[in-house]
mmCIF file of all heavy atoms, coordinates in Angstrom:
data_MODEL
# 
_entry.id   MODEL 
# 
loop_
_atom_site.group_PDB 
_atom_site.id 
_atom_site.type_symbol 
_atom_site.label_atom_id 
_atom_site.label_alt_id 
_atom_site.label_comp_id 
_atom_site.label_asym_id 
_atom_site.label_entity_id 
_atom_site.label_seq_id 
_atom_site.pdbx_PDB_ins_code 
_atom_site.Cartn_x 
_atom_site.Cartn_y 
_atom_site.Cartn_z 
_atom_site.occupancy 
_atom_site.B_iso_or_equiv 
_atom_site.pdbx_formal_charge 
_atom_site.auth_seq_id 
_atom_site.auth_comp_id 
_atom_site.auth_asym_id 
_atom_site.auth_atom_id 
_atom_site.pdbx_PDB_model_num 
ATOM 1   N N   . ASN A 1 1  ? 67.883 -44.773 30.819 1.00 0.00 ? 1  ASN A N   1 
ATOM 2   C CA  . ASN A 1 1  ? 66.764 -45.222 31.645 1.00 0.00 ? 1  ASN A CA  1 
ATOM 3   C C   . ASN A 1 1  ? 66.803 -44.624 33.051 1.00 0.00 ? 1  ASN A C   1 
ATOM 4   O O   . ASN A 1 1  ? 66.502 -45.298 34.043 1.00 0.00 ? 1  ASN A O   1 
ATOM 5   C CB  . ASN A 1 1  ? 66.719 -46.744 31.724 1.00 0.00 ? 1  ASN A CB  1 
ATOM 6   C CG  . ASN A 1 1  ? 66.415 -47.371 30.408 1.00 0.00 ? 1  ASN A CG  1 
ATOM 7   O OD1 . ASN A 1 1  ? 65.601 -46.860 29.650 1.00 0.00 ? 1  ASN A OD1 1 
ATOM 8   N ND2 . ASN A 1 1  ? 67.078 -48.470 30.078 1.00 0.00 ? 1  ASN A ND2 1 
ATOM 9   N N   . GLY A 1 2  ? 67.191 -43.360 33.147 1.00 0.00 ? 2  GLY A N   1 
ATOM 10  C CA  . GLY A 1 2  ? 67.180 -42.667 34.438 1.00 0.00 ? 2  GLY A CA  1 
ATOM 11  C C   . GLY A 1 2  ? 68.369 -42.962 35.331 1.00 0.00 ? 2  GLY A C   1 
ATOM 12  O O   . GLY A 1 2  ? 68.422 -42.493 36.470 1.00 0.00 ? 2  GLY A O   1 
ATOM 13  N N   . ASN A 1 3  ? 69.329 -43.744 34.849 1.00 0.00 ? 3  ASN A N   1 
ATOM 14  C CA  . ASN A 1 3  ? 70.517 -44.059 35.654 1.00 0.00 ? 3  ASN A CA  1 
ATOM 15  C C   . ASN A 1 3  ? 71.481 -42.882 35.601 1.00 0.00 ? 3  ASN A C   1 
ATOM 16  O O   . ASN A 1 3  ? 72.240 -42.743 34.655 1.00 0.00 ? 3  ASN A O   1 
ATOM 17  C CB  . ASN A 1 3  ? 71.201 -45.323 35.151 1.00 0.00 ? 3  ASN A CB  1 
ATOM 18  C CG  . ASN A 1 3  ? 72.466 -45.633 35.919 1.00 0.00 ? 3  ASN A CG  1 
ATOM 19  O OD1 . ASN A 1 3  ? 72.714 -45.074 36.977 1.00 0.00 ? 3  ASN A OD1 1 
ATOM 20  N ND2 . ASN A 1 3  ? 73.272 -46.524 35.370 1.00 0.00 ? 3  ASN A ND2 1 
ATOM 21  N N   . PHE A 1 4  ? 71.429 -42.020 36.590 1.00 0.00 ? 4  PHE A N   1 
ATOM 22  C CA  . PHE A 1 4  ? 72.296 -40.850 36.586 1.00 0.00 ? 4  PHE A CA  1 
ATOM 23  C C   . PHE A 1 4  ? 73.486 -41.005 37.521 1.00 0.00 ? 4  PHE A C   1 
ATOM 24  O O   . PHE A 1 4  ? 74.165 -40.037 37.832 1.00 0.00 ? 4  PHE A O   1 
ATOM 25  C CB  . PHE A 1 4  ? 71.519 -39.574 36.888 1.00 0.00 ? 4  PHE A CB  1 
ATOM 26  C CG  . PHE A 1 4  ? 70.707 -39.621 38.153 1.00 0.00 ? 4  PHE A CG  1 
ATOM 27  C CD1 . PHE A 1 4  ? 71.273 -39.276 39.360 1.00 0.00 ? 4  PHE A CD1 1 
ATOM 28  C CD2 . PHE A 1 4  ? 69.384 -40.017 38.124 1.00 0.00 ? 4  PHE A CD2 1 
ATOM 29  C CE1 . PHE A 1 4  ? 70.536 -39.321 40.530 1.00 0.00 ? 4  PHE A CE1 1 
ATOM 30  C CE2 . PHE A 1 4  ? 68.629 -40.053 39.279 1.00 0.00 ? 4  PHE A CE2 1 
ATOM 31  C CZ  . PHE A 1 4  ? 69.207 -39.717 40.490 1.00 0.00 ? 4  PHE A CZ  1 
ATOM 32  N N   . SER A 1 5  ? 73.786 -42.222 37.969 1.00 0.00 ? 5  SER A N   1 
ATOM 33  C CA  . SER A 1 5  ? 74.919 -42.402 38.889 1.00 0.00 ? 5  SER A CA  1 
ATOM 34  C C   . SER A 1 5  ? 76.260 -42.005 38.265 1.00 0.00 ? 5  SER A C   1 
ATOM 35  O O   . SER A 1 5  ? 77.093 -41.432 38.971 1.00 0.00 ? 5  SER A O   1 
ATOM 36  C CB  . SER A 1 5  ? 74.965 -43.825 39.435 1.00 0.00 ? 5  SER A CB  1 
ATOM 37  O OG  . SER A 1 5  ? 75.154 -44.762 38.425 1.00 0.00 ? 5  SER A OG  1 
ATOM 38  N N   . PRO A 1 6  ? 76.523 -42.258 36.946 1.00 0.00 ? 6  PRO A N   1 
ATOM 39  C CA  . PRO A 1 6  ? 77.803 -41.785 36.400 1.00 0.00 ? 6  PRO A CA  1 
ATOM 40  C C   . PRO A 1 6  ? 77.944 -40.261 36.495 1.00 0.00 ? 6  PRO A C   1 
ATOM 41  O O   . PRO A 1 6  ? 78.994 -39.742 36.825 1.00 0.00 ? 6  PRO A O   1 
ATOM 42  C CB  . PRO A 1 6  ? 77.775 -42.252 34.947 1.00 0.00 ? 6  PRO A CB  1 
ATOM 43  C CG  . PRO A 1 6  ? 76.860 -43.429 34.946 1.00 0.00 ? 6  PRO A CG  1 
ATOM 44  C CD  . PRO A 1 6  ? 75.802 -43.078 35.969 1.00 0.00 ? 6  PRO A CD  1 
ATOM 45  N N   . LEU A 1 7  ? 76.871 -39.545 36.208 1.00 0.00 ? 7  LEU A N   1 
ATOM 46  C CA  . LEU A 1 7  ? 76.900 -38.077 36.310 1.00 0.00 ? 7  LEU A CA  1 
ATOM 47  C C   . LEU A 1 7  ? 77.043 -37.669 37.770 1.00 0.00 ? 7  LEU A C   1 
ATOM 48  O O   . LEU A 1 7  ? 77.833 -36.776 38.106 1.00 0.00 ? 7  LEU A O   1 
ATOM 49  C CB  . LEU A 1 7  ? 75.630 -37.468 35.706 1.00 0.00 ? 7  LEU A CB  1 
ATOM 50  C CG  . LEU A 1 7  ? 75.490 -35.949 35.863 1.00 0.00 ? 7  LEU A CG  1 
ATOM 51  C CD1 . LEU A 1 7  ? 76.634 -35.228 35.171 1.00 0.00 ? 7  LEU A CD1 1 
ATOM 52  C CD2 . LEU A 1 7  ? 74.155 -35.490 35.307 1.00 0.00 ? 7  LEU A CD2 1 
ATOM 53  N N   . GLY A 1 8  ? 76.308 -38.315 38.649 1.00 0.00 ? 8  GLY A N   1 
ATOM 54  C CA  . GLY A 1 8  ? 76.402 -38.018 40.084 1.00 0.00 ? 8  GLY A CA  1 
ATOM 55  C C   . GLY A 1 8  ? 77.811 -38.221 40.605 1.00 0.00 ? 8  GLY A C   1 
ATOM 56  O O   . GLY A 1 8  ? 78.310 -37.397 41.384 1.00 0.00 ? 8  GLY A O   1 
ATOM 57  N N   . ASN A 1 9  ? 78.454 -39.303 40.184 1.00 0.00 ? 9  ASN A N   1 
ATOM 58  C CA  . ASN A 1 9  ? 79.837 -39.562 40.617 1.00 0.00 ? 9  ASN A CA  1 
ATOM 59  C C   . ASN A 1 9  ? 80.761 -38.441 40.173 1.00 0.00 ? 9  ASN A C   1 
ATOM 60  O O   . ASN A 1 9  ? 81.635 -38.011 40.924 1.00 0.00 ? 9  ASN A O   1 
ATOM 61  C CB  . ASN A 1 9  ? 80.341 -40.894 40.052 1.00 0.00 ? 9  ASN A CB  1 
ATOM 62  C CG  . ASN A 1 9  ? 79.658 -42.079 40.669 1.00 0.00 ? 9  ASN A CG  1 
ATOM 63  O OD1 . ASN A 1 9  ? 79.070 -41.976 41.747 1.00 0.00 ? 9  ASN A OD1 1 
ATOM 64  N ND2 . ASN A 1 9  ? 79.708 -43.210 39.986 1.00 0.00 ? 9  ASN A ND2 1 
ATOM 65  N N   . ARG A 1 10 ? 80.601 -37.961 38.961 1.00 0.00 ? 10 ARG A N   1 
ATOM 66  C CA  . ARG A 1 10 ? 81.461 -36.877 38.451 1.00 0.00 ? 10 ARG A CA  1 
ATOM 67  C C   . ARG A 1 10 ? 81.196 -35.572 39.185 1.00 0.00 ? 10 ARG A C   1 
ATOM 68  O O   . ARG A 1 10 ? 82.117 -34.823 39.489 1.00 0.00 ? 10 ARG A O   1 
ATOM 69  C CB  . ARG A 1 10 ? 81.274 -36.712 36.954 1.00 0.00 ? 10 ARG A CB  1 
ATOM 70  C CG  . ARG A 1 10 ? 81.746 -37.935 36.184 1.00 0.00 ? 10 ARG A CG  1 
ATOM 71  C CD  . ARG A 1 10 ? 82.014 -37.623 34.741 1.00 0.00 ? 10 ARG A CD  1 
ATOM 72  N NE  . ARG A 1 10 ? 82.343 -38.822 34.010 1.00 0.00 ? 10 ARG A NE  1 
ATOM 73  C CZ  . ARG A 1 10 ? 83.547 -39.369 33.951 1.00 0.00 ? 10 ARG A CZ  1 
ATOM 74  N NH1 . ARG A 1 10 ? 84.536 -38.847 34.635 1.00 0.00 ? 10 ARG A NH1 1 
ATOM 75  N NH2 . ARG A 1 10 ? 83.771 -40.443 33.232 1.00 0.00 ? 10 ARG A NH2 1 
ATOM 76  N N   . ILE A 1 11 ? 79.941 -35.285 39.471 1.00 0.00 ? 11 ILE A N   1 
ATOM 77  C CA  . ILE A 1 11 ? 79.611 -34.052 40.192 1.00 0.00 ? 11 ILE A CA  1 
ATOM 78  C C   . ILE A 1 11 ? 80.162 -34.107 41.612 1.00 0.00 ? 11 ILE A C   1 
ATOM 79  O O   . ILE A 1 11 ? 80.738 -33.129 42.097 1.00 0.00 ? 11 ILE A O   1 
ATOM 80  C CB  . ILE A 1 11 ? 78.103 -33.780 40.172 1.00 0.00 ? 11 ILE A CB  1 
ATOM 81  C CG1 . ILE A 1 11 ? 77.690 -33.381 38.751 1.00 0.00 ? 11 ILE A CG1 1 
ATOM 82  C CG2 . ILE A 1 11 ? 77.712 -32.703 41.179 1.00 0.00 ? 11 ILE A CG2 1 
ATOM 83  C CD1 . ILE A 1 11 ? 76.208 -33.176 38.551 1.00 0.00 ? 11 ILE A CD1 1 
ATOM 84  N N   . VAL A 1 12 ? 80.015 -35.241 42.283 1.00 0.00 ? 12 VAL A N   1 
ATOM 85  C CA  . VAL A 1 12 ? 80.575 -35.381 43.634 1.00 0.00 ? 12 VAL A CA  1 
ATOM 86  C C   . VAL A 1 12 ? 82.090 -35.221 43.580 1.00 0.00 ? 12 VAL A C   1 
ATOM 87  O O   . VAL A 1 12 ? 82.683 -34.530 44.416 1.00 0.00 ? 12 VAL A O   1 
ATOM 88  C CB  . VAL A 1 12 ? 80.176 -36.728 44.275 1.00 0.00 ? 12 VAL A CB  1 
ATOM 89  C CG1 . VAL A 1 12 ? 80.991 -37.016 45.515 1.00 0.00 ? 12 VAL A CG1 1 
ATOM 90  C CG2 . VAL A 1 12 ? 78.698 -36.736 44.592 1.00 0.00 ? 12 VAL A CG2 1 
ATOM 91  N N   . GLY A 1 13 ? 82.724 -35.814 42.589 1.00 0.00 ? 13 GLY A N   1 
ATOM 92  C CA  . GLY A 1 13 ? 84.168 -35.650 42.417 1.00 0.00 ? 13 GLY A CA  1 
ATOM 93  C C   . GLY A 1 13 ? 84.556 -34.197 42.229 1.00 0.00 ? 13 GLY A C   1 
ATOM 94  O O   . GLY A 1 13 ? 85.550 -33.712 42.772 1.00 0.00 ? 13 GLY A O   1 
ATOM 95  N N   . GLU A 1 14 ? 83.746 -33.484 41.484 1.00 0.00 ? 14 GLU A N   1 
ATOM 96  C CA  . GLU A 1 14 ? 83.984 -32.062 41.237 1.00 0.00 ? 14 GLU A CA  1 
ATOM 97  C C   . GLU A 1 14 ? 83.866 -31.264 42.529 1.00 0.00 ? 14 GLU A C   1 
ATOM 98  O O   . GLU A 1 14 ? 84.659 -30.367 42.811 1.00 0.00 ? 14 GLU A O   1 
ATOM 99  C CB  . GLU A 1 14 ? 82.977 -31.537 40.214 1.00 0.00 ? 14 GLU A CB  1 
ATOM 100 C CG  . GLU A 1 14 ? 83.173 -30.118 39.813 1.00 0.00 ? 14 GLU A CG  1 
ATOM 101 C CD  . GLU A 1 14 ? 84.479 -29.889 39.085 1.00 0.00 ? 14 GLU A CD  1 
ATOM 102 O OE1 . GLU A 1 14 ? 84.903 -30.753 38.326 1.00 0.00 ? 14 GLU A OE1 1 
ATOM 103 O OE2 . GLU A 1 14 ? 85.075 -28.819 39.312 1.00 0.00 ? 14 GLU A OE2 1 
ATOM 104 N N   . LEU A 1 15 ? 82.895 -31.607 43.342 1.00 0.00 ? 15 LEU A N   1 
ATOM 105 C CA  . LEU A 1 15 ? 82.669 -30.889 44.592 1.00 0.00 ? 15 LEU A CA  1 
ATOM 106 C C   . LEU A 1 15 ? 83.740 -31.183 45.644 1.00 0.00 ? 15 LEU A C   1 
ATOM 107 O O   . LEU A 1 15 ? 84.005 -30.353 46.501 1.00 0.00 ? 15 LEU A O   1 
ATOM 108 C CB  . LEU A 1 15 ? 81.287 -31.220 45.150 1.00 0.00 ? 15 LEU A CB  1 
ATOM 109 C CG  . LEU A 1 15 ? 80.102 -30.796 44.286 1.00 0.00 ? 15 LEU A CG  1 
ATOM 110 C CD1 . LEU A 1 15 ? 78.804 -31.323 44.861 1.00 0.00 ? 15 LEU A CD1 1 
ATOM 111 C CD2 . LEU A 1 15 ? 80.055 -29.292 44.101 1.00 0.00 ? 15 LEU A CD2 1 
ATOM 112 N N   . LEU A 1 16 ? 84.362 -32.359 45.571 1.00 0.00 ? 16 LEU A N   1 
ATOM 113 C CA  . LEU A 1 16 ? 85.335 -32.747 46.593 1.00 0.00 ? 16 LEU A CA  1 
ATOM 114 C C   . LEU A 1 16 ? 86.784 -32.437 46.209 1.00 0.00 ? 16 LEU A C   1 
ATOM 115 O O   . LEU A 1 16 ? 87.669 -32.584 47.037 1.00 0.00 ? 16 LEU A O   1 
ATOM 116 C CB  . LEU A 1 16 ? 85.206 -34.244 46.891 1.00 0.00 ? 16 LEU A CB  1 
ATOM 117 C CG  . LEU A 1 16 ? 83.899 -34.665 47.570 1.00 0.00 ? 16 LEU A CG  1 
ATOM 118 C CD1 . LEU A 1 16 ? 83.871 -36.174 47.755 1.00 0.00 ? 16 LEU A CD1 1 
ATOM 119 C CD2 . LEU A 1 16 ? 83.726 -33.967 48.903 1.00 0.00 ? 16 LEU A CD2 1 
ATOM 120 N N   . THR A 1 17 ? 87.042 -32.030 44.990 1.00 0.00 ? 17 THR A N   1 
ATOM 121 C CA  . THR A 1 17 ? 88.415 -31.738 44.576 1.00 0.00 ? 17 THR A CA  1 
ATOM 122 C C   . THR A 1 17 ? 88.560 -30.262 44.229 1.00 0.00 ? 17 THR A C   1 
ATOM 123 O O   . THR A 1 17 ? 87.600 -29.570 43.967 1.00 0.00 ? 17 THR A O   1 
ATOM 124 C CB  . THR A 1 17 ? 88.809 -32.574 43.352 1.00 0.00 ? 17 THR A CB  1 
ATOM 125 O OG1 . THR A 1 17 ? 87.949 -32.240 42.258 1.00 0.00 ? 17 THR A OG1 1 
ATOM 126 C CG2 . THR A 1 17 ? 88.724 -34.065 43.637 1.00 0.00 ? 17 THR A CG2 1 
ATOM 127 N N   . SER A 1 18 ? 89.797 -29.818 44.218 1.00 0.00 ? 18 SER A N   1 
ATOM 128 C CA  . SER A 1 18 ? 90.047 -28.398 43.934 1.00 0.00 ? 18 SER A CA  1 
ATOM 129 C C   . SER A 1 18 ? 90.127 -28.094 42.453 1.00 0.00 ? 18 SER A C   1 
ATOM 130 O O   . SER A 1 18 ? 89.981 -26.955 42.044 1.00 0.00 ? 18 SER A O   1 
ATOM 131 C CB  . SER A 1 18 ? 91.321 -27.939 44.622 1.00 0.00 ? 18 SER A CB  1 
ATOM 132 O OG  . SER A 1 18 ? 92.414 -28.682 44.140 1.00 0.00 ? 18 SER A OG  1 
ATOM 133 N N   . GLY A 1 19 ? 90.338 -29.093 41.618 1.00 0.00 ? 19 GLY A N   1 
ATOM 134 C CA  . GLY A 1 19 ? 90.450 -28.866 40.187 1.00 0.00 ? 19 GLY A CA  1 
ATOM 135 C C   . GLY A 1 19 ? 89.534 -29.762 39.406 1.00 0.00 ? 19 GLY A C   1 
ATOM 136 O O   . GLY A 1 19 ? 89.051 -30.783 39.912 1.00 0.00 ? 19 GLY A O   1 
ATOM 137 N N   . THR A 1 20 ? 89.264 -29.407 38.165 1.00 0.00 ? 20 THR A N   1 
ATOM 138 C CA  . THR A 1 20 ? 88.437 -30.223 37.291 1.00 0.00 ? 20 THR A CA  1 
ATOM 139 C C   . THR A 1 20 ? 89.346 -31.043 36.392 1.00 0.00 ? 20 THR A C   1 
ATOM 140 O O   . THR A 1 20 ? 90.128 -30.470 35.636 1.00 0.00 ? 20 THR A O   1 
ATOM 141 C CB  . THR A 1 20 ? 87.530 -29.340 36.418 1.00 0.00 ? 20 THR A CB  1 
ATOM 142 O OG1 . THR A 1 20 ? 86.743 -28.510 37.256 1.00 0.00 ? 20 THR A OG1 1 
ATOM 143 C CG2 . THR A 1 20 ? 86.618 -30.186 35.540 1.00 0.00 ? 20 THR A CG2 1 
ATOM 144 N N   . SER A 1 21 ? 89.246 -32.370 36.493 1.00 0.00 ? 21 SER A N   1 
ATOM 145 C CA  . SER A 1 21 ? 90.060 -33.200 35.600 1.00 0.00 ? 21 SER A CA  1 
ATOM 146 C C   . SER A 1 21 ? 89.438 -33.191 34.212 1.00 0.00 ? 21 SER A C   1 
ATOM 147 O O   . SER A 1 21 ? 88.231 -32.984 34.056 1.00 0.00 ? 21 SER A O   1 
ATOM 148 C CB  . SER A 1 21 ? 90.152 -34.632 36.126 1.00 0.00 ? 21 SER A CB  1 
ATOM 149 O OG  . SER A 1 21 ? 88.941 -35.324 35.894 1.00 0.00 ? 21 SER A OG  1 
ATOM 150 N N   . ILE A 1 22 ? 90.256 -33.427 33.216 1.00 0.00 ? 22 ILE A N   1 
ATOM 151 C CA  . ILE A 1 22 ? 89.763 -33.449 31.832 1.00 0.00 ? 22 ILE A CA  1 
ATOM 152 C C   . ILE A 1 22 ? 88.730 -34.566 31.654 1.00 0.00 ? 22 ILE A C   1 
ATOM 153 O O   . ILE A 1 22 ? 87.745 -34.400 30.954 1.00 0.00 ? 22 ILE A O   1 
ATOM 154 C CB  . ILE A 1 22 ? 90.913 -33.558 30.814 1.00 0.00 ? 22 ILE A CB  1 
ATOM 155 C CG1 . ILE A 1 22 ? 90.402 -33.384 29.382 1.00 0.00 ? 22 ILE A CG1 1 
ATOM 156 C CG2 . ILE A 1 22 ? 91.641 -34.877 30.961 1.00 0.00 ? 22 ILE A CG2 1 
ATOM 157 C CD1 . ILE A 1 22 ? 89.948 -31.990 29.054 1.00 0.00 ? 22 ILE A CD1 1 
ATOM 158 N N   . LEU A 1 23 ? 88.931 -35.687 32.334 1.00 0.00 ? 23 LEU A N   1 
ATOM 159 C CA  . LEU A 1 23 ? 87.978 -36.787 32.215 1.00 0.00 ? 23 LEU A CA  1 
ATOM 160 C C   . LEU A 1 23 ? 86.621 -36.421 32.807 1.00 0.00 ? 23 LEU A C   1 
ATOM 161 O O   . LEU A 1 23 ? 85.570 -36.745 32.220 1.00 0.00 ? 23 LEU A O   1 
ATOM 162 C CB  . LEU A 1 23 ? 88.517 -38.048 32.896 1.00 0.00 ? 23 LEU A CB  1 
ATOM 163 C CG  . LEU A 1 23 ? 89.748 -38.677 32.238 1.00 0.00 ? 23 LEU A CG  1 
ATOM 164 C CD1 . LEU A 1 23 ? 90.245 -39.856 33.053 1.00 0.00 ? 23 LEU A CD1 1 
ATOM 165 C CD2 . LEU A 1 23 ? 89.437 -39.102 30.812 1.00 0.00 ? 23 LEU A CD2 1 
ATOM 166 N N   . ASP A 1 24 ? 86.619 -35.739 33.953 1.00 0.00 ? 24 ASP A N   1 
ATOM 167 C CA  . ASP A 1 24 ? 85.358 -35.314 34.536 1.00 0.00 ? 24 ASP A CA  1 
ATOM 168 C C   . ASP A 1 24 ? 84.686 -34.249 33.686 1.00 0.00 ? 24 ASP A C   1 
ATOM 169 O O   . ASP A 1 24 ? 83.479 -34.242 33.513 1.00 0.00 ? 24 ASP A O   1 
ATOM 170 C CB  . ASP A 1 24 ? 85.553 -34.791 35.969 1.00 0.00 ? 24 ASP A CB  1 
ATOM 171 C CG  . ASP A 1 24 ? 85.747 -35.927 36.963 1.00 0.00 ? 24 ASP A CG  1 
ATOM 172 O OD1 . ASP A 1 24 ? 85.379 -37.076 36.663 1.00 0.00 ? 24 ASP A OD1 1 
ATOM 173 O OD2 . ASP A 1 24 ? 86.277 -35.651 38.052 1.00 0.00 ? 24 ASP A OD2 1 
ATOM 174 N N   . ALA A 1 25 ? 85.469 -33.347 33.125 1.00 0.00 ? 25 ALA A N   1 
ATOM 175 C CA  . ALA A 1 25 ? 84.905 -32.291 32.274 1.00 0.00 ? 25 ALA A CA  1 
ATOM 176 C C   . ALA A 1 25 ? 84.226 -32.909 31.053 1.00 0.00 ? 25 ALA A C   1 
ATOM 177 O O   . ALA A 1 25 ? 83.100 -32.527 30.700 1.00 0.00 ? 25 ALA A O   1 
ATOM 178 C CB  . ALA A 1 25 ? 85.990 -31.307 31.856 1.00 0.00 ? 25 ALA A CB  1 
# 
């Protein structure tokens, strides 16, 4: 229903860290 906050949280996490965690991937 348009709730993209889980995806947004993962993308922000990706942008703020140097590596991609398996959970975020």
